[in-house]
Amino acid sequence: MAKQQISLAGKVAVITGSTRGIGRAIAERYGQAGARVVISSSKPEAVNQALLEMRAQGIVCEGMTCDVSDLVQVQALAQRAISVFGQIDMWVNNAGISGPFGPILDVPPEEWRRVIEVNVLGTYHGCISVLPHMIERREGKIINVSGGGTKQAQRFLGAYSTSKAAIVRLTDAFIRDYRDHPYVSFTILVPGMVPTDMINQIPLVGAGHEASKDLPRIMRIFGSSTAETADLAMRAVSHETDGVSGKVYEIMTRRRVVWNLVSAFVRRKM
């Protein structure tokens, strides 16, 4: 579906963790399609800078500081969107952290716990903060961002993989519990390996220091862009998901993975 065919005029979108990286790309794409956008970050200076830059593009947007691991702050984010724009049509639970890159026993327990609090509880907080509003309006789309770990654990990213698998099951749970409200759709967005700050600045522990030397090569094979993810995020709020829950929008499909591996092998042999 060509992105220019999708209009979000009259819609309001909230995207968590949206001052940079994937979240920022989604926020800009929605805004360029006509949506009024509410962005957030745990860093107030990042929110202010992103608002300046997005407004310079002509995007109608608001934003506020929000640590998604804190339910009160997420509820305040939802209320801010409703107060300013009167409604919420789309909510993207994007905020996430990777945690340290290394063997599980080398990752401090508090770091592991923080990944679960931000990634899993943050997604849960977003869903329960906006769902009553969408049920009342009998309309809405919730997009939960998963990632590496959706299908299998990623080596040296135990907490992150666990959290992303949990997001899939959490989404399933919401779909089953609220199947009597088909006007609210839940979808899962699975980005590829995108060279954002989360990857480029990932903290290393233990054997992760040595293993990290392979990351550039892995990125060349399996890397994708924020623009590709934003394209899928547009499809997730298009008519494709009207009255439909459970769709999974994935960058690295099995076919693409196989093609990338074969292409890398051929290049190596040439």
C-alpha atoms as a PDB file:
ATOM      1  CA  MET A   1       0.000   0.000   0.000  1.00  0.00           C
ATOM      2  CA  ALA A   2       1.534   3.280  -1.062  1.00  0.00           C
ATOM      3  CA  LYS A   3       1.938   5.642   1.830  1.00  0.00           C
ATOM      4  CA  GLN A   4       0.435   8.580  -0.090  1.00  0.00           C
ATOM      5  CA  GLN A   5      -2.857   6.676  -0.323  1.00  0.00           C
ATOM      6  CA  ILE A   6      -3.341   6.771   3.441  1.00  0.00           C
ATOM      7  CA  SER A   7      -4.767   9.930   4.974  1.00  0.00           C
ATOM      8  CA  LEU A   8      -4.889  10.421   8.729  1.00  0.00           C
ATOM      9  CA  ALA A   9      -6.596  13.801   8.541  1.00  0.00           C
ATOM     10  CA  GLY A  10      -8.789  14.370  11.579  1.00  0.00           C
ATOM     11  CA  LYS A  11      -7.039  11.652  13.584  1.00  0.00           C
ATOM     12  CA  VAL A  12      -5.028  11.979  16.790  1.00  0.00           C
ATOM     13  CA  ALA A  13      -2.037   9.708  17.458  1.00  0.00           C
ATOM     14  CA  VAL A  14      -0.013   9.181  20.633  1.00  0.00           C
ATOM     15  CA  ILE A  15       3.405   7.566  20.216  1.00  0.00           C
ATOM     16  CA  THR A  16       5.515   6.784  23.268  1.00  0.00           C
ATOM     17  CA  GLY A  17       9.291   7.039  23.076  1.00  0.00           C
ATOM     18  CA  SER A  18       8.960   9.231  20.011  1.00  0.00           C
ATOM     19  CA  THR A  19      11.618  11.934  20.114  1.00  0.00           C
ATOM     20  CA  ARG A  20      14.137   9.849  18.144  1.00  0.00           C
ATOM     21  CA  GLY A  21      14.627   6.599  16.278  1.00  0.00           C
ATOM     22  CA  ILE A  22      11.676   4.462  15.268  1.00  0.00           C
ATOM     23  CA  GLY A  23       9.164   6.352  17.385  1.00  0.00           C
ATOM     24  CA  ARG A  24      10.179   9.672  15.870  1.00  0.00           C
ATOM     25  CA  ALA A  25       9.913   8.248  12.340  1.00  0.00           C
ATOM     26  CA  ILE A  26       6.404   6.971  13.063  1.00  0.00           C
ATOM     27  CA  ALA A  27       5.343  10.272  14.633  1.00  0.00           C
ATOM     28  CA  GLU A  28       6.586  12.224  11.623  1.00  0.00           C
ATOM     29  CA  ARG A  29       4.961   9.844   9.148  1.00  0.00           C
ATOM     30  CA  TYR A  30       1.613  10.098  10.933  1.00  0.00           C
ATOM     31  CA  GLY A  31       1.927  13.862  11.128  1.00  0.00           C
ATOM     32  CA  GLN A  32       2.795  14.136   7.443  1.00  0.00           C
ATOM     33  CA  ALA A  33      -0.343  12.107   6.691  1.00  0.00           C
ATOM     34  CA  GLY A  34      -2.454  14.697   8.496  1.00  0.00           C
ATOM     35  CA  ALA A  35      -2.702  13.350  12.039  1.00  0.00           C
ATOM     36  CA  ARG A  36      -2.295  15.525  15.087  1.00  0.00           C
ATOM     37  CA  VAL A  37       0.485  13.900  17.052  1.00  0.00           C
ATOM     38  CA  VAL A  38       1.399  13.645  20.731  1.00  0.00           C
ATOM     39  CA  ILE A  39       4.998  12.609  21.412  1.00  0.00           C
ATOM     40  CA  SER A  40       6.785  11.673  24.608  1.00  0.00           C
ATOM     41  CA  SER A  41      10.153  10.842  26.112  1.00  0.00           C
ATOM     42  CA  SER A  42      11.570  10.404  29.592  1.00  0.00           C
ATOM     43  CA  LYS A  43      13.833  13.390  28.831  1.00  0.00           C
ATOM     44  CA  PRO A  44      12.113  16.812  28.793  1.00  0.00           C
ATOM     45  CA  GLU A  45      14.796  18.457  26.663  1.00  0.00           C
ATOM     46  CA  ALA A  46      14.314  15.789  24.007  1.00  0.00           C
ATOM     47  CA  VAL A  47      10.570  16.481  23.915  1.00  0.00           C
ATOM     48  CA  ASN A  48      11.093  20.222  23.500  1.00  0.00           C
ATOM     49  CA  GLN A  49      13.631  19.791  20.702  1.00  0.00           C
ATOM     50  CA  ALA A  50      11.507  17.265  18.825  1.00  0.00           C
ATOM     51  CA  LEU A  51       8.453  19.519  19.028  1.00  0.00           C
ATOM     52  CA  LEU A  52      10.409  22.418  17.545  1.00  0.00           C
ATOM     53  CA  GLU A  53      11.682  20.293  14.673  1.00  0.00           C
ATOM     54  CA  MET A  54       8.359  18.640  13.908  1.00  0.00           C
ATOM     55  CA  ARG A  55       6.426  21.903  14.021  1.00  0.00           C
ATOM     56  CA  ALA A  56       8.960  23.352  11.591  1.00  0.00           C
ATOM     57  CA  GLN A  57       7.790  20.613   9.193  1.00  0.00           C
ATOM     58  CA  GLY A  58       4.210  21.815   9.572  1.00  0.00           C
ATOM     59  CA  ILE A  59       3.172  18.920  11.823  1.00  0.00           C
ATOM     60  CA  VAL A  60       0.536  19.736  14.445  1.00  0.00           C
ATOM     61  CA  CYS A  61       1.923  18.215  17.618  1.00  0.00           C
ATOM     62  CA  GLU A  62       2.121  18.341  21.373  1.00  0.00           C
ATOM     63  CA  GLY A  63       4.318  16.440  23.783  1.00  0.00           C
ATOM     64  CA  MET A  64       5.257  15.810  27.367  1.00  0.00           C
ATOM     65  CA  THR A  65       7.745  13.975  29.536  1.00  0.00           C
ATOM     66  CA  CYS A  66       6.649  10.431  30.295  1.00  0.00           C
ATOM     67  CA  ASP A  67       8.390   7.462  31.876  1.00  0.00           C
ATOM     68  CA  VAL A  68       6.172   4.638  30.646  1.00  0.00           C
ATOM     69  CA  SER A  69       7.124   2.405  33.581  1.00  0.00           C
ATOM     70  CA  ASP A  70       5.071   4.785  35.751  1.00  0.00           C
ATOM     71  CA  LEU A  71       1.328   4.274  35.226  1.00  0.00           C
ATOM     72  CA  VAL A  72       0.469   7.716  36.567  1.00  0.00           C
ATOM     73  CA  GLN A  73       2.674   9.381  33.946  1.00  0.00           C
ATOM     74  CA  VAL A  74       1.176   7.311  31.121  1.00  0.00           C
ATOM     75  CA  GLN A  75      -2.337   8.174  32.273  1.00  0.00           C
ATOM     76  CA  ALA A  76      -1.308  11.831  32.287  1.00  0.00           C
ATOM     77  CA  LEU A  77      -0.041  11.461  28.706  1.00  0.00           C
ATOM     78  CA  ALA A  78      -3.404  10.093  27.598  1.00  0.00           C
ATOM     79  CA  GLN A  79      -5.242  12.861  29.399  1.00  0.00           C
ATOM     80  CA  ARG A  80      -2.991  15.477  27.830  1.00  0.00           C
ATOM     81  CA  ALA A  81      -3.836  14.224  24.351  1.00  0.00           C
ATOM     82  CA  ILE A  82      -7.555  14.260  25.107  1.00  0.00           C
ATOM     83  CA  SER A  83      -7.399  17.698  26.721  1.00  0.00           C
ATOM     84  CA  VAL A  84      -5.508  19.261  23.817  1.00  0.00           C
ATOM     85  CA  PHE A  85      -7.011  17.434  20.829  1.00  0.00           C
ATOM     86  CA  GLY A  86     -10.271  16.030  22.206  1.00  0.00           C
ATOM     87  CA  GLN A  87      -9.667  12.372  21.338  1.00  0.00           C
ATOM     88  CA  ILE A  88      -7.177   9.581  20.734  1.00  0.00           C
ATOM     89  CA  ASP A  89      -7.588   7.481  17.600  1.00  0.00           C
ATOM     90  CA  MET A  90      -4.222   5.709  17.542  1.00  0.00           C
ATOM     91  CA  TRP A  91      -1.807   4.764  20.296  1.00  0.00           C
ATOM     92  CA  VAL A  92       1.631   3.302  19.572  1.00  0.00           C
ATOM     93  CA  ASN A  93       3.428   1.648  22.488  1.00  0.00           C
ATOM     94  CA  ASN A  94       6.930   2.147  21.141  1.00  0.00           C
ATOM     95  CA  ALA A  95       9.034   3.200  24.150  1.00  0.00           C
ATOM     96  CA  GLY A  96      11.617   0.569  24.959  1.00  0.00           C
ATOM     97  CA  ILE A  97      15.158  -0.083  26.114  1.00  0.00           C
ATOM     98  CA  SER A  98      17.573  -2.900  25.313  1.00  0.00           C
ATOM     99  CA  GLY A  99      19.379  -3.385  28.577  1.00  0.00           C
ATOM    100  CA  PRO A 100      23.061  -4.425  28.579  1.00  0.00           C
ATOM    101  CA  PHE A 101      24.429  -6.684  25.823  1.00  0.00           C
ATOM    102  CA  GLY A 102      25.964  -9.750  27.412  1.00  0.00           C
ATOM    103  CA  PRO A 103      25.307 -13.101  29.133  1.00  0.00           C
ATOM    104  CA  ILE A 104      22.372 -13.168  31.555  1.00  0.00           C
ATOM    105  CA  LEU A 105      24.523 -13.769  34.637  1.00  0.00           C
ATOM    106  CA  ASP A 106      26.601 -10.680  33.834  1.00  0.00           C
ATOM    107  CA  VAL A 107      23.582  -8.380  33.633  1.00  0.00           C
ATOM    108  CA  PRO A 108      22.807  -6.765  37.008  1.00  0.00           C
ATOM    109  CA  PRO A 109      19.332  -7.803  38.230  1.00  0.00           C
ATOM    110  CA  GLU A 110      18.243  -4.182  38.504  1.00  0.00           C
ATOM    111  CA  GLU A 111      19.088  -3.647  34.822  1.00  0.00           C
ATOM    112  CA  TRP A 112      17.094  -6.744  33.862  1.00  0.00           C
ATOM    113  CA  ARG A 113      14.154  -5.538  35.945  1.00  0.00           C
ATOM    114  CA  ARG A 114      14.270  -2.105  34.338  1.00  0.00           C
ATOM    115  CA  VAL A 115      13.946  -3.599  30.847  1.00  0.00           C
ATOM    116  CA  ILE A 116      10.813  -5.487  31.908  1.00  0.00           C
ATOM    117  CA  GLU A 117       9.374  -2.408  33.611  1.00  0.00           C
ATOM    118  CA  VAL A 118       9.841  -0.183  30.569  1.00  0.00           C
ATOM    119  CA  ASN A 119       9.104  -2.627  27.763  1.00  0.00           C
ATOM    120  CA  VAL A 120       6.392  -4.867  29.212  1.00  0.00           C
ATOM    121  CA  LEU A 121       4.774  -2.762  31.915  1.00  0.00           C
ATOM    122  CA  GLY A 122       5.143   0.313  29.696  1.00  0.00           C
ATOM    123  CA  THR A 123       3.123  -1.409  26.972  1.00  0.00           C
ATOM    124  CA  TYR A 124       0.565  -2.601  29.515  1.00  0.00           C
ATOM    125  CA  HIS A 125       0.273   0.901  30.967  1.00  0.00           C
ATOM    126  CA  GLY A 126      -0.318   2.372  27.529  1.00  0.00           C
ATOM    127  CA  CYS A 127      -3.034  -0.147  26.710  1.00  0.00           C
ATOM    128  CA  ILE A 128      -4.990   0.269  29.929  1.00  0.00           C
ATOM    129  CA  SER A 129      -4.664   4.058  29.808  1.00  0.00           C
ATOM    130  CA  VAL A 130      -6.196   4.454  26.343  1.00  0.00           C
ATOM    131  CA  LEU A 131      -8.488   1.423  25.995  1.00  0.00           C
ATOM    132  CA  PRO A 132     -11.403   2.769  28.104  1.00  0.00           C
ATOM    133  CA  HIS A 133     -11.408   5.958  25.997  1.00  0.00           C
ATOM    134  CA  MET A 134     -11.453   3.955  22.766  1.00  0.00           C
ATOM    135  CA  ILE A 135     -14.207   1.657  24.018  1.00  0.00           C
ATOM    136  CA  GLU A 136     -16.290   4.678  24.984  1.00  0.00           C
ATOM    137  CA  ARG A 137     -15.806   6.187  21.511  1.00  0.00           C
ATOM    138  CA  ARG A 138     -16.242   2.763  19.875  1.00  0.00           C
ATOM    139  CA  GLU A 139     -13.155   3.422  17.781  1.00  0.00           C
ATOM    140  CA  GLY A 140      -9.396   3.133  18.074  1.00  0.00           C
ATOM    141  CA  LYS A 141      -6.197   1.356  17.098  1.00  0.00           C
ATOM    142  CA  ILE A 142      -3.443   0.211  19.446  1.00  0.00           C
ATOM    143  CA  ILE A 143      -0.072  -0.782  18.001  1.00  0.00           C
ATOM    144  CA  ASN A 144       2.365  -2.612  20.255  1.00  0.00           C
ATOM    145  CA  VAL A 145       5.978  -2.635  19.112  1.00  0.00           C
ATOM    146  CA  SER A 146       7.735  -5.965  19.619  1.00  0.00           C
ATOM    147  CA  GLY A 147      11.146  -6.859  18.174  1.00  0.00           C
ATOM    148  CA  GLY A 148      13.973  -9.336  18.565  1.00  0.00           C
ATOM    149  CA  GLY A 149      12.606 -12.084  20.787  1.00  0.00           C
ATOM    150  CA  THR A 150       9.204 -12.234  19.131  1.00  0.00           C
ATOM    151  CA  LYS A 151       9.989 -15.705  17.765  1.00  0.00           C
ATOM    152  CA  GLN A 152      13.191 -16.695  19.560  1.00  0.00           C
ATOM    153  CA  ALA A 153      15.619 -15.246  22.076  1.00  0.00           C
ATOM    154  CA  GLN A 154      18.448 -13.092  20.808  1.00  0.00           C
ATOM    155  CA  ARG A 155      21.884 -14.047  22.144  1.00  0.00           C
ATOM    156  CA  PHE A 156      23.156 -11.716  24.871  1.00  0.00           C
ATOM    157  CA  LEU A 157      19.830  -9.825  24.917  1.00  0.00           C
ATOM    158  CA  GLY A 158      17.976 -11.994  27.396  1.00  0.00           C
ATOM    159  CA  ALA A 159      15.925  -9.301  29.108  1.00  0.00           C
ATOM    160  CA  TYR A 160      15.063  -7.564  25.843  1.00  0.00           C
ATOM    161  CA  SER A 161      14.073 -10.830  24.129  1.00  0.00           C
ATOM    162  CA  THR A 162      11.944 -11.853  27.088  1.00  0.00           C
ATOM    163  CA  SER A 163      10.191  -8.496  27.127  1.00  0.00           C
ATOM    164  CA  LYS A 164       9.428  -8.530  23.411  1.00  0.00           C
ATOM    165  CA  ALA A 165       8.009 -12.058  23.563  1.00  0.00           C
ATOM    166  CA  ALA A 166       5.876 -10.963  26.521  1.00  0.00           C
ATOM    167  CA  ILE A 167       4.493  -8.054  24.481  1.00  0.00           C
ATOM    168  CA  VAL A 168       3.145 -10.528  21.911  1.00  0.00           C
ATOM    169  CA  ARG A 169       1.372 -12.571  24.591  1.00  0.00           C
ATOM    170  CA  LEU A 170       0.116  -9.398  26.282  1.00  0.00           C
ATOM    171  CA  THR A 171      -1.391  -8.255  22.989  1.00  0.00           C
ATOM    172  CA  ASP A 172      -3.032 -11.661  22.546  1.00  0.00           C
ATOM    173  CA  ALA A 173      -4.518 -11.345  26.024  1.00  0.00           C
ATOM    174  CA  PHE A 174      -6.072  -7.967  25.253  1.00  0.00           C
ATOM    175  CA  ILE A 175      -7.468  -9.289  21.975  1.00  0.00           C
ATOM    176  CA  ARG A 176      -9.102 -12.257  23.705  1.00  0.00           C
ATOM    177  CA  ASP A 177     -10.453 -10.287  26.649  1.00  0.00           C
ATOM    178  CA  TYR A 178     -11.929  -7.518  24.483  1.00  0.00           C
ATOM    179  CA  ARG A 179     -13.095  -9.443  21.430  1.00  0.00           C
ATOM    180  CA  ASP A 180     -16.596  -8.084  22.109  1.00  0.00           C
ATOM    181  CA  HIS A 181     -15.251  -4.655  21.133  1.00  0.00           C
ATOM    182  CA  PRO A 182     -14.173  -5.260  17.505  1.00  0.00           C
ATOM    183  CA  TYR A 183     -14.083  -1.528  16.775  1.00  0.00           C
ATOM    184  CA  VAL A 184     -10.806  -1.388  18.752  1.00  0.00           C
ATOM    185  CA  SER A 185      -7.963  -3.126  16.927  1.00  0.00           C
ATOM    186  CA  PHE A 186      -4.706  -4.405  18.388  1.00  0.00           C
ATOM    187  CA  THR A 187      -1.731  -5.001  16.105  1.00  0.00           C
ATOM    188  CA  ILE A 188       1.913  -5.932  16.580  1.00  0.00           C
ATOM    189  CA  LEU A 189       4.743  -4.121  14.825  1.00  0.00           C
ATOM    190  CA  VAL A 190       8.070  -5.944  14.553  1.00  0.00           C
ATOM    191  CA  PRO A 191      10.932  -3.725  13.323  1.00  0.00           C
ATOM    192  CA  GLY A 192      14.149  -5.149  12.005  1.00  0.00           C
ATOM    193  CA  MET A 193      17.574  -4.263  13.369  1.00  0.00           C
ATOM    194  CA  VAL A 194      17.483  -0.506  12.999  1.00  0.00           C
ATOM    195  CA  PRO A 195      20.718   1.453  13.654  1.00  0.00           C
ATOM    196  CA  THR A 196      19.208   3.709  16.324  1.00  0.00           C
ATOM    197  CA  ASP A 197      20.851   4.894  19.547  1.00  0.00           C
ATOM    198  CA  MET A 198      19.482   1.792  21.314  1.00  0.00           C
ATOM    199  CA  ILE A 199      21.826  -0.355  19.212  1.00  0.00           C
ATOM    200  CA  ASN A 200      24.646   2.094  18.589  1.00  0.00           C
ATOM    201  CA  GLN A 201      25.023   2.993  22.267  1.00  0.00           C
ATOM    202  CA  ILE A 202      24.168  -0.346  23.836  1.00  0.00           C
ATOM    203  CA  PRO A 203      26.068  -1.005  27.106  1.00  0.00           C
ATOM    204  CA  LEU A 204      28.322  -4.061  27.007  1.00  0.00           C
ATOM    205  CA  VAL A 205      28.963  -6.553  29.812  1.00  0.00           C
ATOM    206  CA  GLY A 206      31.039  -9.713  30.065  1.00  0.00           C
ATOM    207  CA  ALA A 207      31.412 -11.649  26.818  1.00  0.00           C
ATOM    208  CA  GLY A 208      29.258  -9.026  25.138  1.00  0.00           C
ATOM    209  CA  HIS A 209      32.375  -6.907  24.614  1.00  0.00           C
ATOM    210  CA  GLU A 210      33.885  -9.466  22.246  1.00  0.00           C
ATOM    211  CA  ALA A 211      30.583 -10.497  20.646  1.00  0.00           C
ATOM    212  CA  SER A 212      29.730  -6.884  19.850  1.00  0.00           C
ATOM    213  CA  LYS A 213      32.470  -6.893  17.190  1.00  0.00           C
ATOM    214  CA  ASP A 214      30.103  -8.935  15.004  1.00  0.00           C
ATOM    215  CA  LEU A 215      27.266  -6.403  15.244  1.00  0.00           C
ATOM    216  CA  PRO A 216      28.334  -4.303  12.211  1.00  0.00           C
ATOM    217  CA  ARG A 217      28.390  -7.415  10.021  1.00  0.00           C
ATOM    218  CA  ILE A 218      25.021  -8.554  11.357  1.00  0.00           C
ATOM    219  CA  MET A 219      23.593  -5.088  10.742  1.00  0.00           C
ATOM    220  CA  ARG A 220      24.783  -5.188   7.118  1.00  0.00           C
ATOM    221  CA  ILE A 221      22.854  -8.415   6.615  1.00  0.00           C
ATOM    222  CA  PHE A 222      19.759  -7.901   8.729  1.00  0.00           C
ATOM    223  CA  GLY A 223      19.609  -4.121   9.135  1.00  0.00           C
ATOM    224  CA  SER A 224      16.579  -2.078   8.126  1.00  0.00           C
ATOM    225  CA  SER A 225      15.606   1.583   8.340  1.00  0.00           C
ATOM    226  CA  THR A 226      13.290   3.680  10.468  1.00  0.00           C
ATOM    227  CA  ALA A 227      11.480   4.652   7.265  1.00  0.00           C
ATOM    228  CA  GLU A 228      10.586   1.018   6.560  1.00  0.00           C
ATOM    229  CA  THR A 229       9.150   0.641  10.038  1.00  0.00           C
ATOM    230  CA  ALA A 230       7.193   3.878   9.675  1.00  0.00           C
ATOM    231  CA  ASP A 231       5.721   2.532   6.434  1.00  0.00           C
ATOM    232  CA  LEU A 232       4.478  -0.555   8.263  1.00  0.00           C
ATOM    233  CA  ALA A 233       3.153   1.603  11.089  1.00  0.00           C
ATOM    234  CA  MET A 234       1.063   3.441   8.505  1.00  0.00           C
ATOM    235  CA  ARG A 235      -0.418   0.163   7.302  1.00  0.00           C
ATOM    236  CA  ALA A 236      -1.193  -0.758  10.917  1.00  0.00           C
ATOM    237  CA  VAL A 237      -3.516   2.257  11.223  1.00  0.00           C
ATOM    238  CA  SER A 238      -4.961   2.016   7.716  1.00  0.00           C
ATOM    239  CA  HIS A 239      -8.252   0.430   6.678  1.00  0.00           C
ATOM    240  CA  GLU A 240      -6.421  -2.922   6.704  1.00  0.00           C
ATOM    241  CA  THR A 241      -7.018  -3.090  10.450  1.00  0.00           C
ATOM    242  CA  ASP A 242     -10.558  -1.719  10.616  1.00  0.00           C
ATOM    243  CA  GLY A 243     -12.354  -4.143  12.889  1.00  0.00           C
ATOM    244  CA  VAL A 244      -9.405  -6.537  12.729  1.00  0.00           C
ATOM    245  CA  SER A 245      -7.046  -7.469  15.567  1.00  0.00           C
ATOM    246  CA  GLY A 246      -4.017  -9.701  15.645  1.00  0.00           C
ATOM    247  CA  LYS A 247      -2.229  -8.595  12.494  1.00  0.00           C
ATOM    248  CA  VAL A 248       1.560  -8.729  12.748  1.00  0.00           C
ATOM    249  CA  TYR A 249       3.539  -6.273  10.618  1.00  0.00           C
ATOM    250  CA  GLU A 250       7.099  -7.536  10.366  1.00  0.00           C
ATOM    251  CA  ILE A 251      10.108  -6.082   8.574  1.00  0.00           C
ATOM    252  CA  MET A 252      12.290  -9.191   8.556  1.00  0.00           C
ATOM    253  CA  THR A 253       9.946 -11.777   7.107  1.00  0.00           C
ATOM    254  CA  ARG A 254      11.268 -15.304   6.596  1.00  0.00           C
ATOM    255  CA  ARG A 255      11.600 -14.646   2.865  1.00  0.00           C
ATOM    256  CA  ARG A 256      13.630 -11.488   3.443  1.00  0.00           C
ATOM    257  CA  VAL A 257      15.906 -13.206   5.960  1.00  0.00           C
ATOM    258  CA  VAL A 258      16.663 -16.030   3.526  1.00  0.00           C
ATOM    259  CA  TRP A 259      17.261 -13.592   0.678  1.00  0.00           C
ATOM    260  CA  ASN A 260      19.636 -11.482   2.799  1.00  0.00           C
ATOM    261  CA  LEU A 261      21.601 -14.540   3.884  1.00  0.00           C
ATOM    262  CA  VAL A 262      21.929 -15.818   0.323  1.00  0.00           C
ATOM    263  CA  SER A 263      22.956 -12.353  -0.920  1.00  0.00           C
ATOM    264  CA  ALA A 264      25.585 -12.052   1.822  1.00  0.00           C
ATOM    265  CA  PHE A 265      26.959 -15.495   0.945  1.00  0.00           C
ATOM    266  CA  VAL A 266      27.181 -14.630  -2.755  1.00  0.00           C
ATOM    267  CA  ARG A 267      28.945 -11.318  -2.030  1.00  0.00           C
ATOM    268  CA  ARG A 268      31.444 -13.120   0.175  1.00  0.00           C
ATOM    269  CA  LYS A 269      32.238 -15.618  -2.601  1.00  0.00           C
ATOM    270  CA  MET A 270      32.701 -12.957  -5.293  1.00  0.00           C
END
